[in-house]
Amino acid sequence: MATVRTANAHWEGPLMGGQGKVSLDSSKVGEFEVNWPSRAEKPEGKTSPEELIAAAHSTCFSMALSHGLAGAGTPPESVDTRADVTFQPGEGITGIHLTVRASVPGLSAEDFQNAAEQAKANCPVSKALAGTKITLDASLA
């Protein structure tokens, strides 16, 4: 069965001087402020579309990797993934770098690297972001 998740954004004013809020409506976990400086300069306590993409991608990748490892008979003890989404004003999102460290008893570094590459290629968020260069640094903890 398909699921739908919903977020809403409200923006006031021009891009450079305006501001807005994004709400995570499906989960009801919060409403977060956004503005241009939080996107192109320093966050100053506000979020950006790129940070939200990073959250989605790091979570999806961790879930896909965990699933793949468990399916191969080597379930992980832990998976920690960081996603760095690079935004260049005037160009847009220019790349995503995933860094993953995991504890997987009994798994070789080579097999872990292969599992991580498979997760990068097949997690639904990676597929949705296929037009963006995605790089990976994966190693066992």
C-alpha atoms as a PDB file:
ATOM      1  CA  MET A   1       0.000   0.000   0.000  1.00  0.00           C
ATOM      2  CA  ALA A   2       1.352   3.414  -0.954  1.00  0.00           C
ATOM      3  CA  THR A   3       1.773   6.120   1.642  1.00  0.00           C
ATOM      4  CA  VAL A   4       1.699   9.886   1.255  1.00  0.00           C
ATOM      5  CA  ARG A   5       3.621  12.245   3.521  1.00  0.00           C
ATOM      6  CA  THR A   6       2.842  15.954   3.565  1.00  0.00           C
ATOM      7  CA  ALA A   7       4.760  19.112   4.335  1.00  0.00           C
ATOM      8  CA  ASN A   8       3.621  22.669   3.737  1.00  0.00           C
ATOM      9  CA  ALA A   9       5.597  25.830   3.165  1.00  0.00           C
ATOM     10  CA  HIS A  10       4.399  29.399   3.667  1.00  0.00           C
ATOM     11  CA  TRP A  11       6.516  32.279   2.321  1.00  0.00           C
ATOM     12  CA  GLU A  12       6.090  36.044   2.726  1.00  0.00           C
ATOM     13  CA  GLY A  13       7.894  38.754   0.799  1.00  0.00           C
ATOM     14  CA  PRO A  14      10.631  38.696  -1.826  1.00  0.00           C
ATOM     15  CA  LEU A  15      13.335  36.025  -1.913  1.00  0.00           C
ATOM     16  CA  MET A  16      16.127  38.156  -0.459  1.00  0.00           C
ATOM     17  CA  GLY A  17      14.177  39.876   2.306  1.00  0.00           C
ATOM     18  CA  GLY A  18      11.355  37.459   2.837  1.00  0.00           C
ATOM     19  CA  GLN A  19      10.905  34.609   5.222  1.00  0.00           C
ATOM     20  CA  GLY A  20       8.792  31.563   5.658  1.00  0.00           C
ATOM     21  CA  LYS A  21       8.012  28.421   7.562  1.00  0.00           C
ATOM     22  CA  VAL A  22       7.825  24.780   6.627  1.00  0.00           C
ATOM     23  CA  SER A  23       5.660  22.403   8.619  1.00  0.00           C
ATOM     24  CA  LEU A  24       5.966  18.637   8.741  1.00  0.00           C
ATOM     25  CA  ASP A  25       2.263  17.930   8.645  1.00  0.00           C
ATOM     26  CA  SER A  26       2.081  14.145   8.428  1.00  0.00           C
ATOM     27  CA  SER A  27       4.148  13.555  11.545  1.00  0.00           C
ATOM     28  CA  LYS A  28       3.241  16.831  13.239  1.00  0.00           C
ATOM     29  CA  VAL A  29       6.780  16.987  14.658  1.00  0.00           C
ATOM     30  CA  GLY A  30       7.288  20.642  14.009  1.00  0.00           C
ATOM     31  CA  GLU A  31       7.330  23.850  12.089  1.00  0.00           C
ATOM     32  CA  PHE A  32      10.650  25.340  11.027  1.00  0.00           C
ATOM     33  CA  GLU A  33      11.620  28.835   9.900  1.00  0.00           C
ATOM     34  CA  VAL A  34      13.383  29.399   6.558  1.00  0.00           C
ATOM     35  CA  ASN A  35      14.869  32.395   4.755  1.00  0.00           C
ATOM     36  CA  TRP A  36      17.438  33.105   2.046  1.00  0.00           C
ATOM     37  CA  PRO A  37      20.390  33.701   4.397  1.00  0.00           C
ATOM     38  CA  SER A  38      19.748  30.326   6.085  1.00  0.00           C
ATOM     39  CA  ARG A  39      20.031  28.730   2.660  1.00  0.00           C
ATOM     40  CA  ALA A  40      22.935  30.644   1.119  1.00  0.00           C
ATOM     41  CA  GLU A  41      24.921  31.814   4.147  1.00  0.00           C
ATOM     42  CA  LYS A  42      24.653  30.770   7.808  1.00  0.00           C
ATOM     43  CA  PRO A  43      21.696  28.845   9.279  1.00  0.00           C
ATOM     44  CA  GLU A  44      21.244  31.141  12.309  1.00  0.00           C
ATOM     45  CA  GLY A  45      18.673  28.752  13.792  1.00  0.00           C
ATOM     46  CA  LYS A  46      16.677  28.322  10.593  1.00  0.00           C
ATOM     47  CA  THR A  47      16.569  25.414   8.138  1.00  0.00           C
ATOM     48  CA  SER A  48      16.787  25.166   4.357  1.00  0.00           C
ATOM     49  CA  PRO A  49      15.520  22.878   1.618  1.00  0.00           C
ATOM     50  CA  GLU A  50      19.029  21.401   1.427  1.00  0.00           C
ATOM     51  CA  GLU A  51      19.082  20.517   5.119  1.00  0.00           C
ATOM     52  CA  LEU A  52      15.703  18.833   4.773  1.00  0.00           C
ATOM     53  CA  ILE A  53      17.013  16.877   1.761  1.00  0.00           C
ATOM     54  CA  ALA A  54      20.091  15.887   3.792  1.00  0.00           C
ATOM     55  CA  ALA A  55      17.856  14.615   6.593  1.00  0.00           C
ATOM     56  CA  ALA A  56      15.735  12.603   4.182  1.00  0.00           C
ATOM     57  CA  HIS A  57      18.714  11.170   2.307  1.00  0.00           C
ATOM     58  CA  SER A  58      20.757  10.165   5.357  1.00  0.00           C
ATOM     59  CA  THR A  59      17.739   8.446   6.886  1.00  0.00           C
ATOM     60  CA  CYS A  60      16.692   6.645   3.701  1.00  0.00           C
ATOM     61  CA  PHE A  61      20.242   5.488   2.990  1.00  0.00           C
ATOM     62  CA  SER A  62      20.665   4.152   6.548  1.00  0.00           C
ATOM     63  CA  MET A  63      17.404   2.234   6.273  1.00  0.00           C
ATOM     64  CA  ALA A  64      18.299   0.801   2.844  1.00  0.00           C
ATOM     65  CA  LEU A  65      21.763  -0.236   3.998  1.00  0.00           C
ATOM     66  CA  SER A  66      20.420  -1.852   7.157  1.00  0.00           C
ATOM     67  CA  HIS A  67      17.821  -3.750   5.124  1.00  0.00           C
ATOM     68  CA  GLY A  68      20.358  -4.944   2.572  1.00  0.00           C
ATOM     69  CA  LEU A  69      22.813  -6.089   5.233  1.00  0.00           C
ATOM     70  CA  ALA A  70      20.126  -7.951   7.165  1.00  0.00           C
ATOM     71  CA  GLY A  71      18.882  -9.595   3.975  1.00  0.00           C
ATOM     72  CA  ALA A  72      22.421 -10.848   3.315  1.00  0.00           C
ATOM     73  CA  GLY A  73      22.553 -12.429   6.775  1.00  0.00           C
ATOM     74  CA  THR A  74      24.766  -9.747   8.348  1.00  0.00           C
ATOM     75  CA  PRO A  75      22.466  -7.365  10.215  1.00  0.00           C
ATOM     76  CA  PRO A  76      24.235  -4.242  11.467  1.00  0.00           C
ATOM     77  CA  GLU A  77      24.585  -3.335  15.114  1.00  0.00           C
ATOM     78  CA  SER A  78      24.530   0.338  14.118  1.00  0.00           C
ATOM     79  CA  VAL A  79      24.605   2.567  11.045  1.00  0.00           C
ATOM     80  CA  ASP A  80      25.485   6.266  11.234  1.00  0.00           C
ATOM     81  CA  THR A  81      25.075   8.298   8.056  1.00  0.00           C
ATOM     82  CA  ARG A  82      25.810  11.954   7.394  1.00  0.00           C
ATOM     83  CA  ALA A  83      24.564  13.650   4.222  1.00  0.00           C
ATOM     84  CA  ASP A  84      26.205  16.882   3.101  1.00  0.00           C
ATOM     85  CA  VAL A  85      24.129  18.668   0.458  1.00  0.00           C
ATOM     86  CA  THR A  86      26.007  21.421  -1.364  1.00  0.00           C
ATOM     87  CA  PHE A  87      24.009  24.419  -2.582  1.00  0.00           C
ATOM     88  CA  GLN A  88      25.578  26.997  -4.883  1.00  0.00           C
ATOM     89  CA  PRO A  89      23.510  30.184  -5.357  1.00  0.00           C
ATOM     90  CA  GLY A  90      22.822  30.656  -9.039  1.00  0.00           C
ATOM     91  CA  GLU A  91      23.439  26.952  -9.789  1.00  0.00           C
ATOM     92  CA  GLY A  92      21.373  25.036  -7.243  1.00  0.00           C
ATOM     93  CA  ILE A  93      22.252  21.760  -5.582  1.00  0.00           C
ATOM     94  CA  THR A  94      25.617  20.706  -6.977  1.00  0.00           C
ATOM     95  CA  GLY A  95      26.213  17.506  -5.054  1.00  0.00           C
ATOM     96  CA  ILE A  96      25.473  15.238  -2.124  1.00  0.00           C
ATOM     97  CA  HIS A  97      28.147  13.433  -0.151  1.00  0.00           C
ATOM     98  CA  LEU A  98      27.151  10.517   2.064  1.00  0.00           C
ATOM     99  CA  THR A  99      29.479   9.436   4.877  1.00  0.00           C
ATOM    100  CA  VAL A 100      28.547   6.180   6.595  1.00  0.00           C
ATOM    101  CA  ARG A 101      30.159   4.349   9.478  1.00  0.00           C
ATOM    102  CA  ALA A 102      28.644   1.086  10.620  1.00  0.00           C
ATOM    103  CA  SER A 103      29.258  -1.733  12.997  1.00  0.00           C
ATOM    104  CA  VAL A 104      28.573  -5.031  11.231  1.00  0.00           C
ATOM    105  CA  PRO A 105      30.071  -8.070  12.971  1.00  0.00           C
ATOM    106  CA  GLY A 106      31.533 -10.665  10.627  1.00  0.00           C
ATOM    107  CA  LEU A 107      31.453  -8.517   7.478  1.00  0.00           C
ATOM    108  CA  SER A 108      34.565  -7.710   5.433  1.00  0.00           C
ATOM    109  CA  ALA A 109      35.359  -4.140   4.440  1.00  0.00           C
ATOM    110  CA  GLU A 110      34.917  -5.090   0.774  1.00  0.00           C
ATOM    111  CA  ASP A 111      31.485  -6.621   1.348  1.00  0.00           C
ATOM    112  CA  PHE A 112      30.468  -3.585   3.378  1.00  0.00           C
ATOM    113  CA  GLN A 113      31.560  -1.245   0.592  1.00  0.00           C
ATOM    114  CA  ASN A 114      29.519  -3.255  -1.917  1.00  0.00           C
ATOM    115  CA  ALA A 115      26.449  -3.155   0.347  1.00  0.00           C
ATOM    116  CA  ALA A 116      26.853   0.609   0.815  1.00  0.00           C
ATOM    117  CA  GLU A 117      27.108   1.180  -2.943  1.00  0.00           C
ATOM    118  CA  GLN A 118      23.944  -0.883  -3.454  1.00  0.00           C
ATOM    119  CA  ALA A 119      22.115   1.168  -0.807  1.00  0.00           C
ATOM    120  CA  LYS A 120      23.280   4.410  -2.432  1.00  0.00           C
ATOM    121  CA  ALA A 121      22.019   3.249  -5.830  1.00  0.00           C
ATOM    122  CA  ASN A 122      18.725   1.833  -4.609  1.00  0.00           C
ATOM    123  CA  CYS A 123      17.388   3.878  -1.706  1.00  0.00           C
ATOM    124  CA  PRO A 124      14.245   5.724  -2.856  1.00  0.00           C
ATOM    125  CA  VAL A 125      15.674   9.159  -2.024  1.00  0.00           C
ATOM    126  CA  SER A 126      18.849   8.464  -4.046  1.00  0.00           C
ATOM    127  CA  LYS A 127      16.631   7.452  -6.951  1.00  0.00           C
ATOM    128  CA  ALA A 128      14.564  10.630  -6.592  1.00  0.00           C
ATOM    129  CA  LEU A 129      17.776  12.672  -6.624  1.00  0.00           C
ATOM    130  CA  ALA A 130      19.307  10.806  -9.577  1.00  0.00           C
ATOM    131  CA  GLY A 131      20.020  14.050 -11.424  1.00  0.00           C
ATOM    132  CA  THR A 132      22.460  15.073  -8.685  1.00  0.00           C
ATOM    133  CA  LYS A 133      26.003  13.761  -8.258  1.00  0.00           C
ATOM    134  CA  ILE A 134      26.023  11.562  -5.148  1.00  0.00           C
ATOM    135  CA  THR A 135      29.345  10.452  -3.667  1.00  0.00           C
ATOM    136  CA  LEU A 136      29.965   7.976  -0.869  1.00  0.00           C
ATOM    137  CA  ASP A 137      32.548   7.428   1.859  1.00  0.00           C
ATOM    138  CA  ALA A 138      31.716   4.120   3.554  1.00  0.00           C
ATOM    139  CA  SER A 139      33.683   2.219   6.171  1.00  0.00           C
ATOM    140  CA  LEU A 140      33.189  -0.105   9.084  1.00  0.00           C
ATOM    141  CA  ALA A 141      33.409   1.491  12.500  1.00  0.00           C
END
